[in-house]
PDB file of N, CA and C in Angstrom:
ATOM      1  N   MET A   1      23.165  39.176  50.334  1.00  0.00           N
ATOM      2  CA  MET A   1      23.324  37.974  49.558  1.00  0.00           C
ATOM      3  C   MET A   1      21.958  37.438  49.083  1.00  0.00           C
ATOM      4  N   ILE A   2      21.012  37.352  50.010  1.00  0.00           N
ATOM      5  CA  ILE A   2      19.683  36.861  49.662  1.00  0.00           C
ATOM      6  C   ILE A   2      18.980  37.861  48.751  1.00  0.00           C
ATOM      7  N   ALA A   3      19.169  39.153  49.046  1.00  0.00           N
ATOM      8  CA  ALA A   3      18.542  40.183  48.224  1.00  0.00           C
ATOM      9  C   ALA A   3      19.065  40.137  46.796  1.00  0.00           C
ATOM     10  N   ALA A   4      20.357  39.866  46.621  1.00  0.00           N
ATOM     11  CA  ALA A   4      20.939  39.779  45.287  1.00  0.00           C
ATOM     12  C   ALA A   4      20.340  38.600  44.528  1.00  0.00           C
ATOM     13  N   ALA A   5      20.145  37.505  45.207  1.00  0.00           N
ATOM     14  CA  ALA A   5      19.552  36.324  44.571  1.00  0.00           C
ATOM     15  C   ALA A   5      18.113  36.599  44.146  1.00  0.00           C
ATOM     16  N   LEU A   6      17.380  37.324  44.981  1.00  0.00           N
ATOM     17  CA  LEU A   6      16.008  37.663  44.639  1.00  0.00           C
ATOM     18  C   LEU A   6      15.950  38.615  43.452  1.00  0.00           C
ATOM     19  N   LEU A   7      16.880  39.552  43.400  1.00  0.00           N
ATOM     20  CA  LEU A   7      16.916  40.484  42.275  1.00  0.00           C
ATOM     21  C   LEU A   7      17.239  39.760  40.978  1.00  0.00           C
ATOM     22  N   LEU A   8      18.160  38.797  41.042  1.00  0.00           N
ATOM     23  CA  LEU A   8      18.523  38.044  39.846  1.00  0.00           C
ATOM     24  C   LEU A   8      17.380  37.136  39.399  1.00  0.00           C
ATOM     25  N   ALA A   9      16.639  36.624  40.354  1.00  0.00           N
ATOM     26  CA  ALA A   9      15.531  35.732  40.024  1.00  0.00           C
ATOM     27  C   ALA A   9      14.389  36.486  39.354  1.00  0.00           C
ATOM     28  N   ASP A  10      14.247  37.779  39.647  1.00  0.00           N
ATOM     29  CA  ASP A  10      13.169  38.574  39.068  1.00  0.00           C
ATOM     30  C   ASP A  10      13.473  39.033  37.648  1.00  0.00           C
ATOM     31  N   THR A  11      14.714  38.957  37.209  1.00  0.00           N
ATOM     32  CA  THR A  11      15.053  39.426  35.869  1.00  0.00           C
ATOM     33  C   THR A  11      14.570  38.422  34.836  1.00  0.00           C
ATOM     34  N   PRO A  12      14.105  38.889  33.686  1.00  0.00           N
ATOM     35  CA  PRO A  12      13.598  37.986  32.659  1.00  0.00           C
ATOM     36  C   PRO A  12      14.671  37.070  32.094  1.00  0.00           C
ATOM     37  N   ALA A  13      15.926  37.469  32.095  1.00  0.00           N
ATOM     38  CA  ALA A  13      16.997  36.642  31.551  1.00  0.00           C
ATOM     39  C   ALA A  13      17.253  35.420  32.421  1.00  0.00           C
ATOM     40  N   ALA A  14      16.911  35.492  33.697  1.00  0.00           N
ATOM     41  CA  ALA A  14      17.177  34.385  34.608  1.00  0.00           C
ATOM     42  C   ALA A  14      16.191  33.241  34.414  1.00  0.00           C
ATOM     43  N   THR A  15      15.004  33.539  33.942  1.00  0.00           N
ATOM     44  CA  THR A  15      14.019  32.480  33.750  1.00  0.00           C
ATOM     45  C   THR A  15      13.967  32.098  32.277  1.00  0.00           C
ATOM     46  N   PRO A  16      14.179  30.814  31.963  1.00  0.00           N
ATOM     47  CA  PRO A  16      14.141  30.396  30.560  1.00  0.00           C
ATOM     48  C   PRO A  16      12.721  30.449  30.018  1.00  0.00           C
ATOM     49  N   ALA A  17      12.611  30.828  28.773  1.00  0.00           N
ATOM     50  CA  ALA A  17      11.300  30.912  28.148  1.00  0.00           C
ATOM     51  C   ALA A  17      10.819  29.516  27.776  1.00  0.00           C
ATOM     52  N   ALA A  18       9.561  29.253  28.005  1.00  0.00           N
ATOM     53  CA  ALA A  18       8.986  27.954  27.665  1.00  0.00           C
ATOM     54  C   ALA A  18       8.760  27.901  26.157  1.00  0.00           C
ATOM     55  N   PRO A  19       9.024  26.758  25.524  1.00  0.00           N
ATOM     56  CA  PRO A  19       8.790  26.661  24.090  1.00  0.00           C
ATOM     57  C   PRO A  19       7.295  26.744  23.807  1.00  0.00           C
ATOM     58  N   PRO A  20       6.932  27.323  22.675  1.00  0.00           N
ATOM     59  CA  PRO A  20       5.505  27.438  22.373  1.00  0.00           C
ATOM     60  C   PRO A  20       4.888  26.060  22.181  1.00  0.00           C
ATOM     61  N   ALA A  21       3.673  25.925  22.648  1.00  0.00           N
ATOM     62  CA  ALA A  21       2.961  24.650  22.527  1.00  0.00           C
ATOM     63  C   ALA A  21       2.572  24.434  21.071  1.00  0.00           C
ATOM     64  N   PRO A  22       2.697  23.190  20.593  1.00  0.00           N
ATOM     65  CA  PRO A  22       2.306  22.933  19.208  1.00  0.00           C
ATOM     66  C   PRO A  22       0.800  23.110  19.055  1.00  0.00           C
ATOM     67  N   THR A  23       0.406  23.705  17.960  1.00  0.00           N
ATOM     68  CA  THR A  23      -1.018  23.939  17.732  1.00  0.00           C
ATOM     69  C   THR A  23      -1.571  22.830  16.854  1.00  0.00           C
ATOM     70  N   VAL A  24      -2.479  22.054  17.435  1.00  0.00           N
ATOM     71  CA  VAL A  24      -3.140  20.972  16.717  1.00  0.00           C
ATOM     72  C   VAL A  24      -4.629  21.255  16.773  1.00  0.00           C
ATOM     73  N   PRO A  25      -5.300  21.229  15.656  1.00  0.00           N
ATOM     74  CA  PRO A  25      -6.748  21.451  15.692  1.00  0.00           C
ATOM     75  C   PRO A  25      -7.424  20.422  16.594  1.00  0.00           C
ATOM     76  N   ALA A  26      -8.438  20.852  17.293  1.00  0.00           N
ATOM     77  CA  ALA A  26      -9.131  19.972  18.243  1.00  0.00           C
ATOM     78  C   ALA A  26      -9.748  18.771  17.540  1.00  0.00           C
ATOM     79  N   ALA A  27     -10.243  18.947  16.352  1.00  0.00           N
ATOM     80  CA  ALA A  27     -10.859  17.833  15.625  1.00  0.00           C
ATOM     81  C   ALA A  27      -9.814  16.784  15.262  1.00  0.00           C
ATOM     82  N   ALA A  28      -8.620  17.221  14.869  1.00  0.00           N
ATOM     83  CA  ALA A  28      -7.563  16.272  14.522  1.00  0.00           C
ATOM     84  C   ALA A  28      -7.098  15.523  15.761  1.00  0.00           C
ATOM     85  N   ASN A  29      -6.995  16.215  16.885  1.00  0.00           N
ATOM     86  CA  ASN A  29      -6.584  15.574  18.121  1.00  0.00           C
ATOM     87  C   ASN A  29      -7.614  14.545  18.557  1.00  0.00           C
ATOM     88  N   ALA A  30      -8.886  14.853  18.466  1.00  0.00           N
ATOM     89  CA  ALA A  30      -9.947  13.922  18.841  1.00  0.00           C
ATOM     90  C   ALA A  30      -9.962  12.718  17.905  1.00  0.00           C
ATOM     91  N   ALA A  31      -9.683  12.945  16.636  1.00  0.00           N
ATOM     92  CA  ALA A  31      -9.676  11.846  15.671  1.00  0.00           C
ATOM     93  C   ALA A  31      -8.536  10.885  15.949  1.00  0.00           C
ATOM     94  N   GLN A  32      -7.419  11.389  16.449  1.00  0.00           N
ATOM     95  CA  GLN A  32      -6.282  10.523  16.749  1.00  0.00           C
ATOM     96  C   GLN A  32      -6.537   9.688  17.987  1.00  0.00           C
ATOM     97  N   THR A  33      -7.202  10.227  18.997  1.00  0.00           N
ATOM     98  CA  THR A  33      -7.406   9.490  20.237  1.00  0.00           C
ATOM     99  C   THR A  33      -8.645   8.610  20.204  1.00  0.00           C
ATOM    100  N   ALA A  34      -9.619   8.894  19.364  1.00  0.00           N
ATOM    101  CA  ALA A  34     -10.860   8.117  19.341  1.00  0.00           C
ATOM    102  C   ALA A  34     -10.631   6.663  18.942  1.00  0.00           C
ATOM    103  N   PRO A  35      -9.865   6.340  17.881  1.00  0.00           N
ATOM    104  CA  PRO A  35      -9.657   4.930  17.560  1.00  0.00           C
ATOM    105  C   PRO A  35      -8.914   4.181  18.659  1.00  0.00           C
ATOM    106  N   ALA A  36      -8.008   4.840  19.338  1.00  0.00           N
ATOM    107  CA  ALA A  36      -7.272   4.177  20.409  1.00  0.00           C
ATOM    108  C   ALA A  36      -8.210   3.799  21.549  1.00  0.00           C
ATOM    109  N   LYS A  37      -9.155   4.667  21.870  1.00  0.00           N
ATOM    110  CA  LYS A  37     -10.090   4.373  22.946  1.00  0.00           C
ATOM    111  C   LYS A  37     -11.016   3.231  22.570  1.00  0.00           C
ATOM    112  N   THR A  38     -11.519   3.221  21.352  1.00  0.00           N
ATOM    113  CA  THR A  38     -12.427   2.150  20.959  1.00  0.00           C
ATOM    114  C   THR A  38     -11.690   0.829  20.820  1.00  0.00           C
ATOM    115  N   ALA A  39     -10.454   0.875  20.352  1.00  0.00           N
ATOM    116  CA  ALA A  39      -9.673  -0.357  20.230  1.00  0.00           C
ATOM    117  C   ALA A  39      -9.374  -0.932  21.602  1.00  0.00           C
ATOM    118  N   ALA A  40      -9.083  -0.069  22.563  1.00  0.00           N
ATOM    119  CA  ALA A  40      -8.796  -0.547  23.917  1.00  0.00           C
ATOM    120  C   ALA A  40     -10.054  -1.089  24.573  1.00  0.00           C
ATOM    121  N   ALA A  41     -11.189  -0.493  24.299  1.00  0.00           N
ATOM    122  CA  ALA A  41     -12.425  -0.943  24.917  1.00  0.00           C
ATOM    123  C   ALA A  41     -12.874  -2.285  24.356  1.00  0.00           C
ATOM    124  N   THR A  42     -12.637  -2.549  23.075  1.00  0.00           N
ATOM    125  CA  THR A  42     -13.070  -3.798  22.478  1.00  0.00           C
ATOM    126  C   THR A  42     -12.013  -4.878  22.557  1.00  0.00           C
ATOM    127  N   SER A  43     -10.813  -4.527  22.944  1.00  0.00           N
ATOM    128  CA  SER A  43      -9.721  -5.487  23.005  1.00  0.00           C
ATOM    129  C   SER A  43      -9.964  -6.492  24.127  1.00  0.00           C
ATOM    130  N   THR A  44      -9.468  -7.711  23.941  1.00  0.00           N
ATOM    131  CA  THR A  44      -9.576  -8.727  24.988  1.00  0.00           C
ATOM    132  C   THR A  44      -8.409  -8.615  25.952  1.00  0.00           C
ATOM    133  N   ASP A  45      -7.514  -7.676  25.725  1.00  0.00           N
ATOM    134  CA  ASP A  45      -6.355  -7.500  26.593  1.00  0.00           C
ATOM    135  C   ASP A  45      -6.582  -6.395  27.610  1.00  0.00           C
ATOM    136  N   ARG A  46      -7.743  -6.358  28.207  1.00  0.00           N
ATOM    137  CA  ARG A  46      -7.983  -5.344  29.224  1.00  0.00           C
ATOM    138  C   ARG A  46      -7.319  -5.773  30.535  1.00  0.00           C
ATOM    139  N   VAL A  47      -7.118  -4.836  31.422  1.00  0.00           N
ATOM    140  CA  VAL A  47      -6.412  -5.084  32.672  1.00  0.00           C
ATOM    141  C   VAL A  47      -7.405  -5.432  33.768  1.00  0.00           C
ATOM    142  N   VAL A  48      -7.087  -6.469  34.521  1.00  0.00           N
ATOM    143  CA  VAL A  48      -7.911  -6.915  35.633  1.00  0.00           C
ATOM    144  C   VAL A  48      -7.079  -6.789  36.896  1.00  0.00           C
ATOM    145  N   CYS A  49      -7.573  -6.053  37.883  1.00  0.00           N
ATOM    146  CA  CYS A  49      -6.856  -5.874  39.144  1.00  0.00           C
ATOM    147  C   CYS A  49      -7.639  -6.517  40.277  1.00  0.00           C
ATOM    148  N   LYS A  50      -6.916  -7.067  41.237  1.00  0.00           N
ATOM    149  CA  LYS A  50      -7.549  -7.634  42.428  1.00  0.00           C
ATOM    150  C   LYS A  50      -6.557  -7.554  43.576  1.00  0.00           C
ATOM    151  N   THR A  51      -7.063  -7.724  44.785  1.00  0.00           N
ATOM    152  CA  THR A  51      -6.189  -7.723  45.949  1.00  0.00           C
ATOM    153  C   THR A  51      -5.964  -9.164  46.377  1.00  0.00           C
ATOM    154  N   GLU A  52      -4.719  -9.461  46.729  1.00  0.00           N
ATOM    155  CA  GLU A  52      -4.355 -10.803  47.168  1.00  0.00           C
ATOM    156  C   GLU A  52      -3.767 -10.721  48.563  1.00  0.00           C
ATOM    157  N   SER A  53      -4.028 -11.728  49.371  1.00  0.00           N
ATOM    158  CA  SER A  53      -3.454 -11.803  50.701  1.00  0.00           C
ATOM    159  C   SER A  53      -1.989 -12.192  50.592  1.00  0.00           C
ATOM    160  N   VAL A  54      -1.172 -11.584  51.434  1.00  0.00           N
ATOM    161  CA  VAL A  54       0.247 -11.887  51.461  1.00  0.00           C
ATOM    162  C   VAL A  54       0.526 -12.636  52.747  1.00  0.00           C
ATOM    163  N   THR A  55       1.150 -13.793  52.647  1.00  0.00           N
ATOM    164  CA  THR A  55       1.463 -14.594  53.814  1.00  0.00           C
ATOM    165  C   THR A  55       2.423 -13.826  54.715  1.00  0.00           C
ATOM    166  N   GLY A  56       2.083 -13.718  55.995  1.00  0.00           N
ATOM    167  CA  GLY A  56       2.930 -13.033  56.959  1.00  0.00           C
ATOM    168  C   GLY A  56       2.695 -11.538  57.026  1.00  0.00           C
ATOM    169  N   SER A  57       1.692 -11.048  56.338  1.00  0.00           N
ATOM    170  CA  SER A  57       1.408  -9.622  56.356  1.00  0.00           C
ATOM    171  C   SER A  57      -0.086  -9.405  56.554  1.00  0.00           C
ATOM    172  N   MET A  58      -0.423  -8.327  57.217  1.00  0.00           N
ATOM    173  CA  MET A  58      -1.831  -7.992  57.407  1.00  0.00           C
ATOM    174  C   MET A  58      -2.363  -7.146  56.262  1.00  0.00           C
ATOM    175  N   PHE A  59      -1.466  -6.673  55.397  1.00  0.00           N
ATOM    176  CA  PHE A  59      -1.856  -5.778  54.326  1.00  0.00           C
ATOM    177  C   PHE A  59      -1.972  -6.538  53.006  1.00  0.00           C
ATOM    178  N   PRO A  60      -3.112  -6.460  52.365  1.00  0.00           N
ATOM    179  CA  PRO A  60      -3.243  -7.119  51.056  1.00  0.00           C
ATOM    180  C   PRO A  60      -2.445  -6.366  50.002  1.00  0.00           C
ATOM    181  N   LYS A  61      -2.118  -7.068  48.932  1.00  0.00           N
ATOM    182  CA  LYS A  61      -1.346  -6.491  47.841  1.00  0.00           C
ATOM    183  C   LYS A  61      -2.233  -6.420  46.605  1.00  0.00           C
ATOM    184  N   LYS A  62      -2.227  -5.292  45.920  1.00  0.00           N
ATOM    185  CA  LYS A  62      -3.004  -5.131  44.698  1.00  0.00           C
ATOM    186  C   LYS A  62      -2.153  -5.591  43.524  1.00  0.00           C
ATOM    187  N   VAL A  63      -2.680  -6.523  42.731  1.00  0.00           N
ATOM    188  CA  VAL A  63      -1.973  -7.019  41.552  1.00  0.00           C
ATOM    189  C   VAL A  63      -2.867  -6.832  40.334  1.00  0.00           C
ATOM    190  N   CYS A  64      -2.247  -6.502  39.216  1.00  0.00           N
ATOM    191  CA  CYS A  64      -2.988  -6.270  37.979  1.00  0.00           C
ATOM    192  C   CYS A  64      -2.391  -7.120  36.866  1.00  0.00           C
ATOM    193  N   TYR A  65      -3.254  -7.747  36.092  1.00  0.00           N
ATOM    194  CA  TYR A  65      -2.846  -8.581  34.967  1.00  0.00           C
ATOM    195  C   TYR A  65      -3.762  -8.293  33.791  1.00  0.00           C
ATOM    196  N   SER A  66      -3.268  -8.583  32.594  1.00  0.00           N
ATOM    197  CA  SER A  66      -4.157  -8.550  31.441  1.00  0.00           C
ATOM    198  C   SER A  66      -5.037  -9.791  31.530  1.00  0.00           C
ATOM    199  N   THR A  67      -6.127  -9.813  30.781  1.00  0.00           N
ATOM    200  CA  THR A  67      -7.024 -10.965  30.855  1.00  0.00           C
ATOM    201  C   THR A  67      -6.313 -12.248  30.434  1.00  0.00           C
ATOM    202  N   GLN A  68      -5.418 -12.149  29.462  1.00  0.00           N
ATOM    203  CA  GLN A  68      -4.673 -13.331  29.016  1.00  0.00           C
ATOM    204  C   GLN A  68      -3.722 -13.804  30.115  1.00  0.00           C
ATOM    205  N   GLN A  69      -3.022 -12.867  30.763  1.00  0.00           N
ATOM    206  CA  GLN A  69      -2.109 -13.245  31.843  1.00  0.00           C
ATOM    207  C   GLN A  69      -2.877 -13.847  33.014  1.00  0.00           C
ATOM    208  N   ALA A  70      -4.050 -13.309  33.322  1.00  0.00           N
ATOM    209  CA  ALA A  70      -4.848 -13.840  34.423  1.00  0.00           C
ATOM    210  C   ALA A  70      -5.302 -15.265  34.112  1.00  0.00           C
ATOM    211  N   ALA A  71      -5.697 -15.528  32.869  1.00  0.00           N
ATOM    212  CA  ALA A  71      -6.111 -16.880  32.487  1.00  0.00           C
ATOM    213  C   ALA A  71      -4.936 -17.850  32.576  1.00  0.00           C
ATOM    214  N   GLU A  72      -3.752 -17.419  32.119  1.00  0.00           N
ATOM    215  CA  GLU A  72      -2.565 -18.273  32.200  1.00  0.00           C
ATOM    216  C   GLU A  72      -2.207 -18.554  33.656  1.00  0.00           C
ATOM    217  N   ARG A  73      -2.327 -17.545  34.498  1.00  0.00           N
ATOM    218  CA  ARG A  73      -1.993 -17.727  35.913  1.00  0.00           C
ATOM    219  C   ARG A  73      -2.969 -18.699  36.578  1.00  0.00           C
ATOM    220  N   ARG A  74      -4.266 -18.567  36.276  1.00  0.00           N
ATOM    221  CA  ARG A  74      -5.249 -19.507  36.837  1.00  0.00           C
ATOM    222  C   ARG A  74      -4.946 -20.937  36.401  1.00  0.00           C
ATOM    223  N   GLN A  75      -4.569 -21.116  35.133  1.00  0.00           N
ATOM    224  CA  GLN A  75      -4.258 -22.446  34.626  1.00  0.00           C
ATOM    225  C   GLN A  75      -3.020 -23.010  35.322  1.00  0.00           C
ATOM    226  N   ASP A  76      -1.986 -22.197  35.487  1.00  0.00           N
ATOM    227  CA  ASP A  76      -0.779 -22.651  36.186  1.00  0.00           C
ATOM    228  C   ASP A  76      -1.078 -23.022  37.629  1.00  0.00           C
ATOM    229  N   GLU A  77      -1.889 -22.209  38.316  1.00  0.00           N
ATOM    230  CA  GLU A  77      -2.244 -22.502  39.703  1.00  0.00           C
ATOM    231  C   GLU A  77      -3.036 -23.803  39.798  1.00  0.00           C
ATOM    232  N   ARG A  78      -3.945 -24.040  38.836  1.00  0.00           N
ATOM    233  CA  ARG A  78      -4.735 -25.265  38.823  1.00  0.00           C
ATOM    234  C   ARG A  78      -3.834 -26.490  38.624  1.00  0.00           C
ATOM    235  N   GLN A  79      -2.865 -26.377  37.695  1.00  0.00           N
ATOM    236  CA  GLN A  79      -1.943 -27.486  37.434  1.00  0.00           C
ATOM    237  C   GLN A  79      -1.074 -27.762  38.661  1.00  0.00           C
ATOM    238  N   ASN A  80      -0.606 -26.715  39.329  1.00  0.00           N
ATOM    239  CA  ASN A  80       0.206 -26.909  40.531  1.00  0.00           C
ATOM    240  C   ASN A  80      -0.597 -27.579  41.638  1.00  0.00           C
ATOM    241  N   LEU A  81      -1.853 -27.195  41.793  1.00  0.00           N
ATOM    242  CA  LEU A  81      -2.706 -27.815  42.801  1.00  0.00           C
ATOM    243  C   LEU A  81      -2.911 -29.293  42.496  1.00  0.00           C
ATOM    244  N   GLU A  82      -3.141 -29.623  41.224  1.00  0.00           N
ATOM    245  CA  GLU A  82      -3.314 -31.023  40.854  1.00  0.00           C
ATOM    246  C   GLU A  82      -2.045 -31.844  41.107  1.00  0.00           C
ATOM    247  N   LYS A  83      -0.878 -31.264  40.841  1.00  0.00           N
ATOM    248  CA  LYS A  83       0.390 -31.969  41.116  1.00  0.00           C
ATOM    249  C   LYS A  83       0.543 -32.256  42.596  1.00  0.00           C
ATOM    250  N   ILE A  84       0.220 -31.261  43.428  1.00  0.00           N
ATOM    251  CA  ILE A  84       0.335 -31.437  44.876  1.00  0.00           C
ATOM    252  C   ILE A  84      -0.639 -32.499  45.347  1.00  0.00           C
ATOM    253  N   GLN A  85      -1.849 -32.508  44.814  1.00  0.00           N
ATOM    254  CA  GLN A  85      -2.849 -33.501  45.218  1.00  0.00           C
ATOM    255  C   GLN A  85      -2.444 -34.899  44.781  1.00  0.00           C
ATOM    256  N   ASN A  86      -1.834 -35.032  43.619  1.00  0.00           N
ATOM    257  CA  ASN A  86      -1.421 -36.342  43.127  1.00  0.00           C
ATOM    258  C   ASN A  86      -0.224 -36.875  43.914  1.00  0.00           C
ATOM    259  N   LEU A  87       0.610 -36.022  44.447  1.00  0.00           N
ATOM    260  CA  LEU A  87       1.756 -36.466  45.226  1.00  0.00           C
ATOM    261  C   LEU A  87       1.332 -37.026  46.571  1.00  0.00           C
ATOM    262  N   SER A  88       0.245 -36.575  47.115  1.00  0.00           N
ATOM    263  CA  SER A  88      -0.196 -37.027  48.439  1.00  0.00           C
ATOM    264  C   SER A  88      -0.899 -38.376  48.370  1.00  0.00           C
ATOM    265  N   HIS A  89      -1.267 -38.857  47.190  1.00  0.00           N
ATOM    266  CA  HIS A  89      -1.977 -40.155  47.075  1.00  0.00           C
ATOM    267  C   HIS A  89      -1.016 -41.283  46.974  1.00  0.00           C
TER     268      HIS A  89
END
């Protein structure tokens, strides 16, 4: 039984042929990816990652935000802190 399976696996008909890879000139491929890299590098929407402490856990959690999301989160946290401080007075 195992020998029959091995014999069938060795036949060329049992293994599907991989489709040929598309041929793109290297210069055209580099030209397509170069603007994307420069646009991402100059964009203000880069990703910022940091580790945050999790209450009740010894393991920190890695969180990533775009620069705009990080600024919005800092502003929201600041507003929440001010609300809490104003309630205690």
